[in-house]
Every structure is written in structure tokens, then in C-alpha cells.
Amino acid sequence: QVQLVESGGGLVQAGGSLRLSCAASGRTFSSYTMGWFRQAPGKERDFVAAINWSGGSTAYADSVKGRFTISRDNAKNTVYLQMNSLKPEDTAVYYCAVDKIPARWYSDYEGADFGSWGRGTQVTVSS
């Protein structure tokens, strides 16, 4: 079982930036695709971005393409989400997650593909 801890959330004005981190432990981190999801109040959890085990492939939701960048440092067992040009509609709790199956990759991930989740970090963007 893997443990995931997100950090880096906070309050930022529209147009600002934040960098989220997700530290993983308890499993061979470098063998798995990692993902970021978000859930706004009263809404379902949505896919944001994913990165494969090597960092060579990434996928993004249309709503964040060109503004968010996912990356990973396998030596530090950490995945990052750099968020630029933030908008009020980006306000949500952001969760990181690890794929259920090692060495798997496709660009159309859903929440059910991920087996372990962090507790989330709140991102609030003011207008």
C-alpha cells in the first residue's frame, strides 16, 4: 500500500500561481503512473493531469491545458503540479493518486483507475 501526502495549496488571486507537491511512500513509486484530480464543492471529482512512470508522457484535462504542468522526481518519490494563470473556477480540493497497475499508461484516465489517494490540499482562487 502506498501513502500519499499533498501540500502546497492555499489562497491566491486570479492570475497567480501555486505549486502542489505529493510525496509518496510505501511502494516502488517510479513504476507507477501518478495523477492529480480535483473536487469543487457540490461537484464530482474531476481528472486534472497524469504522468507516466518515467515522466515521458503526460495528459491534461482540456480546462487546464497550457496553464498546468505535471512533473515528477522519482529520486524524491514526489509528483508536482505547477499551476499558472489560476482562475476562480480552479478552486477545489486537489488530490494526488497512484495507478492501480504498474507500468500502465493511457491518456484517458478516470478516478477508478487509481488505487491510492491522498487526503487532498485546498486551493482557493479569489477573483
Foldseek 3Di string as FASTA:
>chain_A
DKAKAKDWADEEAAQAKIKMKIAMDDDQLLFWKKFKWWDDPPGDIGGAKIAGSVRPDMEGDPVQPPFWDWGDDSVRRMIMIIGGRDDQVVWTWMKMFIAPDTPDDDHDDDPVRTDDMYPTDTHGYHD
